[in-house]
C-alpha atoms as a PDB file:
ATOM      1  CA  MET A   1       0.000   0.000   0.000  1.00  0.00           C
ATOM      2  CA  ARG A   2       1.080   3.346  -0.791  1.00  0.00           C
ATOM      3  CA  TYR A   3       0.869   6.048   1.705  1.00  0.00           C
ATOM      4  CA  TYR A   4       1.316   9.017  -0.448  1.00  0.00           C
ATOM      5  CA  LEU A   5      -1.602   8.651  -2.782  1.00  0.00           C
ATOM      6  CA  SER A   6      -4.516  10.138  -0.811  1.00  0.00           C
ATOM      7  CA  LEU A   7      -5.886   9.930   2.541  1.00  0.00           C
ATOM      8  CA  SER A   8      -8.820   7.900   1.402  1.00  0.00           C
ATOM      9  CA  THR A   9      -6.673   5.530  -0.478  1.00  0.00           C
ATOM     10  CA  ALA A  10      -3.709   5.751   1.802  1.00  0.00           C
ATOM     11  CA  TYR A  11      -5.580   4.546   4.830  1.00  0.00           C
ATOM     12  CA  PRO A  12      -8.599   2.730   3.576  1.00  0.00           C
ATOM     13  CA  GLU A  13      -9.187   0.993   6.893  1.00  0.00           C
ATOM     14  CA  ASP A  14      -9.155   4.290   8.665  1.00  0.00           C
ATOM     15  CA  ASP A  15     -11.570   5.691   6.139  1.00  0.00           C
ATOM     16  CA  GLN A  16     -13.902   2.785   6.587  1.00  0.00           C
ATOM     17  CA  GLU A  17     -13.571   3.058  10.317  1.00  0.00           C
ATOM     18  CA  ARG A  18     -14.191   6.769  10.117  1.00  0.00           C
ATOM     19  CA  LEU A  19     -17.147   6.267   7.802  1.00  0.00           C
ATOM     20  CA  ALA A  20     -18.435   3.507  10.023  1.00  0.00           C
ATOM     21  CA  ARG A  21     -17.886   5.688  13.073  1.00  0.00           C
ATOM     22  CA  GLU A  22     -19.583   8.635  11.354  1.00  0.00           C
ATOM     23  CA  GLU A  23     -22.408   6.355  10.291  1.00  0.00           C
ATOM     24  CA  GLN A  24     -22.639   4.988  13.803  1.00  0.00           C
ATOM     25  CA  GLU A  25     -22.553   8.517  15.224  1.00  0.00           C
ATOM     26  CA  ARG A  26     -25.168   9.568  12.656  1.00  0.00           C
ATOM     27  CA  GLN A  27     -27.256   6.519  13.562  1.00  0.00           C
ATOM     28  CA  GLU A  28     -26.748   7.239  17.268  1.00  0.00           C
ATOM     29  CA  ARG A  29     -27.595  10.918  16.700  1.00  0.00           C
ATOM     30  CA  LEU A  30     -30.688   9.926  14.702  1.00  0.00           C
ATOM     31  CA  ALA A  31     -31.608   7.372  17.358  1.00  0.00           C
ATOM     32  CA  ARG A  32     -30.998   9.989  20.063  1.00  0.00           C
ATOM     33  CA  GLU A  33     -33.019  12.572  18.108  1.00  0.00           C
ATOM     34  CA  GLU A  34     -35.760   9.982  17.562  1.00  0.00           C
ATOM     35  CA  GLN A  35     -35.608   9.054  21.210  1.00  0.00           C
ATOM     36  CA  GLU A  36     -35.725  12.717  22.188  1.00  0.00           C
ATOM     37  CA  ARG A  37     -38.615  13.277  19.756  1.00  0.00           C
ATOM     38  CA  LEU A  38     -40.420  10.245  21.172  1.00  0.00           C
ATOM     39  CA  ALA A  39     -39.647  11.379  24.737  1.00  0.00           C
ATOM     40  CA  ARG A  40     -40.850  14.905  23.860  1.00  0.00           C
ATOM     41  CA  GLU A  41     -44.012  13.495  22.237  1.00  0.00           C
ATOM     42  CA  GLU A  42     -44.516  11.216  25.249  1.00  0.00           C
ATOM     43  CA  GLN A  43     -43.979  14.169  27.586  1.00  0.00           C
ATOM     44  CA  GLU A  44     -46.412  16.258  25.510  1.00  0.00           C
ATOM     45  CA  ARG A  45     -48.894  13.369  25.536  1.00  0.00           C
ATOM     46  CA  LEU A  46     -48.503  13.017  29.311  1.00  0.00           C
ATOM     47  CA  VAL A  47     -48.892  16.788  29.783  1.00  0.00           C
ATOM     48  CA  ARG A  48     -51.934  16.777  27.471  1.00  0.00           C
ATOM     49  CA  GLU A  49     -53.442  13.797  29.317  1.00  0.00           C
ATOM     50  CA  GLU A  50     -52.716  15.466  32.672  1.00  0.00           C
ATOM     51  CA  GLN A  51     -54.310  18.675  31.434  1.00  0.00           C
ATOM     52  CA  GLU A  52     -57.298  16.687  30.165  1.00  0.00           C
ATOM     53  CA  ARG A  53     -57.458  14.856  33.498  1.00  0.00           C
ATOM     54  CA  LEU A  54     -57.218  18.141  35.369  1.00  0.00           C
ATOM     55  CA  THR A  55     -59.836  19.661  33.070  1.00  0.00           C
ATOM     56  CA  ARG A  56     -62.033  16.592  33.569  1.00  0.00           C
ATOM     57  CA  ASP A  57     -61.420  16.700  37.343  1.00  0.00           C
ATOM     58  CA  GLU A  58     -62.165  20.430  37.356  1.00  0.00           C
ATOM     59  CA  GLN A  59     -65.331  19.868  35.326  1.00  0.00           C
ATOM     60  CA  GLU A  60     -66.376  17.043  37.651  1.00  0.00           C
ATOM     61  CA  ARG A  61     -65.594  19.265  40.665  1.00  0.00           C
ATOM     62  CA  LEU A  62     -67.609  22.123  39.148  1.00  0.00           C
ATOM     63  CA  VAL A  63     -70.495  19.770  38.318  1.00  0.00           C
ATOM     64  CA  ARG A  64     -70.332  18.297  41.829  1.00  0.00           C
ATOM     65  CA  GLU A  65     -70.235  21.769  43.398  1.00  0.00           C
ATOM     66  CA  GLU A  66     -73.158  22.876  41.214  1.00  0.00           C
ATOM     67  CA  GLN A  67     -75.122  19.764  42.191  1.00  0.00           C
ATOM     68  CA  GLU A  68     -74.304  20.355  45.864  1.00  0.00           C
ATOM     69  CA  ARG A  69     -75.356  24.011  45.493  1.00  0.00           C
ATOM     70  CA  LEU A  70     -78.623  22.960  43.836  1.00  0.00           C
ATOM     71  CA  VAL A  71     -79.273  20.329  46.529  1.00  0.00           C
ATOM     72  CA  ARG A  72     -78.456  22.868  49.261  1.00  0.00           C
ATOM     73  CA  GLU A  73     -80.727  25.487  47.672  1.00  0.00           C
ATOM     74  CA  GLU A  74     -83.508  22.901  47.337  1.00  0.00           C
ATOM     75  CA  GLN A  75     -83.069  21.857  50.968  1.00  0.00           C
ATOM     76  CA  GLU A  76     -83.110  25.507  52.036  1.00  0.00           C
ATOM     77  CA  ARG A  77     -86.232  26.122  49.916  1.00  0.00           C
ATOM     78  CA  VAL A  78     -87.969  23.062  51.398  1.00  0.00           C
ATOM     79  CA  ALA A  79     -86.914  24.068  54.936  1.00  0.00           C
ATOM     80  CA  ARG A  80     -88.086  27.655  54.331  1.00  0.00           C
ATOM     81  CA  GLU A  81     -91.424  26.446  52.939  1.00  0.00           C
ATOM     82  CA  GLU A  82     -91.823  24.045  55.889  1.00  0.00           C
ATOM     83  CA  GLN A  83     -90.996  26.849  58.322  1.00  0.00           C
ATOM     84  CA  GLU A  84     -93.479  29.145  56.567  1.00  0.00           C
ATOM     85  CA  ARG A  85     -96.122  26.377  56.639  1.00  0.00           C
ATOM     86  CA  LEU A  86     -95.507  25.759  60.342  1.00  0.00           C
ATOM     87  CA  ALA A  87     -95.578  29.494  61.086  1.00  0.00           C
ATOM     88  CA  LYS A  88     -98.822  29.840  59.128  1.00  0.00           C
ATOM     89  CA  GLU A  89    -100.334  26.865  60.951  1.00  0.00           C
ATOM     90  CA  GLU A  90     -99.217  28.328  64.298  1.00  0.00           C
ATOM     91  CA  GLN A  91    -100.664  31.726  63.382  1.00  0.00           C
ATOM     92  CA  GLU A  92    -103.939  30.088  62.317  1.00  0.00           C
ATOM     93  CA  ARG A  93    -103.959  28.073  65.546  1.00  0.00           C
ATOM     94  CA  GLN A  94    -103.364  31.211  67.607  1.00  0.00           C
ATOM     95  CA  GLU A  95    -106.007  33.133  65.660  1.00  0.00           C
ATOM     96  CA  GLN A  96    -108.459  30.263  66.120  1.00  0.00           C
ATOM     97  CA  ALA A  97    -107.645  30.119  69.846  1.00  0.00           C
ATOM     98  CA  ALA A  98    -108.089  33.904  70.079  1.00  0.00           C
ATOM     99  CA  ARG A  99    -111.423  33.686  68.212  1.00  0.00           C
ATOM    100  CA  LYS A 100    -112.495  30.834  70.476  1.00  0.00           C
ATOM    101  CA  GLU A 101    -111.501  32.845  73.555  1.00  0.00           C
ATOM    102  CA  GLN A 102    -113.288  35.925  72.201  1.00  0.00           C
ATOM    103  CA  ASP A 103    -116.370  33.836  71.460  1.00  0.00           C
ATOM    104  CA  LYS A 104    -116.205  32.372  74.964  1.00  0.00           C
ATOM    105  CA  LEU A 105    -115.823  35.824  76.524  1.00  0.00           C
ATOM    106  CA  ALA A 106    -118.639  37.211  74.349  1.00  0.00           C
ATOM    107  CA  ARG A 107    -120.859  34.249  75.285  1.00  0.00           C
ATOM    108  CA  GLU A 108    -120.017  34.697  78.976  1.00  0.00           C
ATOM    109  CA  GLU A 109    -120.703  38.438  78.690  1.00  0.00           C
ATOM    110  CA  GLN A 110    -123.973  37.729  76.885  1.00  0.00           C
ATOM    111  CA  GLU A 111    -124.930  35.175  79.554  1.00  0.00           C
ATOM    112  CA  ARG A 112    -123.992  37.649  82.296  1.00  0.00           C
ATOM    113  CA  LEU A 113    -126.050  40.391  80.674  1.00  0.00           C
ATOM    114  CA  ALA A 114    -128.962  37.990  80.125  1.00  0.00           C
ATOM    115  CA  LYS A 115    -128.725  36.886  83.763  1.00  0.00           C
ATOM    116  CA  GLU A 116    -128.593  40.500  84.950  1.00  0.00           C
ATOM    117  CA  GLU A 117    -131.571  41.320  82.705  1.00  0.00           C
ATOM    118  CA  GLN A 118    -133.457  38.279  84.038  1.00  0.00           C
ATOM    119  CA  GLU A 119    -132.627  39.281  87.615  1.00  0.00           C
ATOM    120  CA  ARG A 120    -133.709  42.870  86.895  1.00  0.00           C
ATOM    121  CA  LEU A 121    -136.974  41.638  85.360  1.00  0.00           C
ATOM    122  CA  GLU A 122    -137.546  39.272  88.297  1.00  0.00           C
ATOM    123  CA  ARG A 123    -136.770  42.100  90.753  1.00  0.00           C
ATOM    124  CA  GLU A 124    -139.141  44.432  88.924  1.00  0.00           C
ATOM    125  CA  GLU A 125    -141.790  41.694  88.873  1.00  0.00           C
ATOM    126  CA  GLN A 126    -141.285  41.079  92.595  1.00  0.00           C
ATOM    127  CA  GLU A 127    -141.432  44.806  93.249  1.00  0.00           C
ATOM    128  CA  ARG A 128    -144.604  45.073  91.130  1.00  0.00           C
ATOM    129  CA  LEU A 129    -146.125  42.082  92.917  1.00  0.00           C
ATOM    130  CA  ALA A 130    -145.061  43.473  96.313  1.00  0.00           C
ATOM    131  CA  LYS A 131    -146.521  46.858  95.390  1.00  0.00           C
ATOM    132  CA  GLU A 132    -149.736  45.211  94.211  1.00  0.00           C
ATOM    133  CA  ASP A 133    -149.822  43.150  97.433  1.00  0.00           C
ATOM    134  CA  GLN A 134    -149.163  46.248  99.459  1.00  0.00           C
ATOM    135  CA  GLU A 135    -151.839  48.150  97.563  1.00  0.00           C
ATOM    136  CA  ARG A 136    -154.242  45.207  97.924  1.00  0.00           C
ATOM    137  CA  LEU A 137    -153.424  44.899 101.623  1.00  0.00           C
ATOM    138  CA  ALA A 138    -153.766  48.656 102.069  1.00  0.00           C
ATOM    139  CA  LYS A 139    -157.066  48.582 100.210  1.00  0.00           C
ATOM    140  CA  GLU A 140    -158.214  45.576 102.255  1.00  0.00           C
ATOM    141  CA  GLU A 141    -157.076  47.368 105.412  1.00  0.00           C
ATOM    142  CA  GLN A 142    -158.845  50.510 104.289  1.00  0.00           C
ATOM    143  CA  GLU A 143    -161.964  48.502 103.478  1.00  0.00           C
ATOM    144  CA  ARG A 144    -161.726  46.706 106.820  1.00  0.00           C
ATOM    145  CA  LEU A 145    -161.247  49.978 108.607  1.00  0.00           C
ATOM    146  CA  ALA A 146    -164.097  51.487 106.619  1.00  0.00           C
ATOM    147  CA  ALA A 147    -166.251  48.446 107.428  1.00  0.00           C
ATOM    148  CA  GLU A 148    -165.257  48.680 111.089  1.00  0.00           C
ATOM    149  CA  GLU A 149    -165.951  52.392 110.960  1.00  0.00           C
ATOM    150  CA  GLN A 150    -169.258  51.687 109.321  1.00  0.00           C
ATOM    151  CA  ASP A 151    -170.016  48.976 111.907  1.00  0.00           C
ATOM    152  CA  TYR A 152    -169.013  51.348 114.674  1.00  0.00           C
ATOM    153  CA  ILE A 153    -171.165  54.081 113.218  1.00  0.00           C
ATOM    154  CA  VAL A 154    -174.068  51.659 112.832  1.00  0.00           C
ATOM    155  CA  GLN A 155    -173.533  50.367 116.339  1.00  0.00           C
ATOM    156  CA  GLU A 156    -173.234  53.892 117.688  1.00  0.00           C
ATOM    157  CA  GLN A 157    -176.394  54.919 115.849  1.00  0.00           C
ATOM    158  CA  GLU A 158    -178.180  51.845 117.168  1.00  0.00           C
ATOM    159  CA  ARG A 159    -176.933  52.609 120.659  1.00  0.00           C
ATOM    160  CA  LEU A 160    -178.054  56.207 120.342  1.00  0.00           C
ATOM    161  CA  ILE A 161    -181.398  55.093 119.023  1.00  0.00           C
ATOM    162  CA  ARG A 162    -181.776  52.677 121.907  1.00  0.00           C
ATOM    163  CA  ALA A 163    -180.655  55.299 124.327  1.00  0.00           C
ATOM    164  CA  GLU A 164    -183.191  57.719 122.931  1.00  0.00           C
ATOM    165  CA  GLN A 165    -185.885  55.132 123.038  1.00  0.00           C
ATOM    166  CA  GLU A 166    -185.286  54.387 126.622  1.00  0.00           C
END
């Protein structure tokens, strides 16, 4: 072999080794670039999946929170309506009790007034009867006295007549 011809011809083994090394380096670089590309794509896929998972989790959280809010609002509405119903029932009960008490008091007052009126009428009737009795007794007494007076006068006249006749 001649060493002075050219580098490629002078050291053909070195050239082949160099070419093989360059090819190996190129293959390694391509493999590394492919591996990096695949790793980058995998990383991007993982990031995208994580973002989708986070978005899905966030959506599920928002849906869950909205459902909880709706349930809470419904429970509050039902509780408020129940409280209003109970308050209305209590108010109606109190109004009914007040009406009942007023009716009772009015009835008692009416009974008291009726009793007082009855007592007044009975008293007036008793007074009228007593006055009539008194008037009757006075008239009877006056008639008795008049009859006694008349008897006395008759007796006195008879006595005088007898005394004159004697």
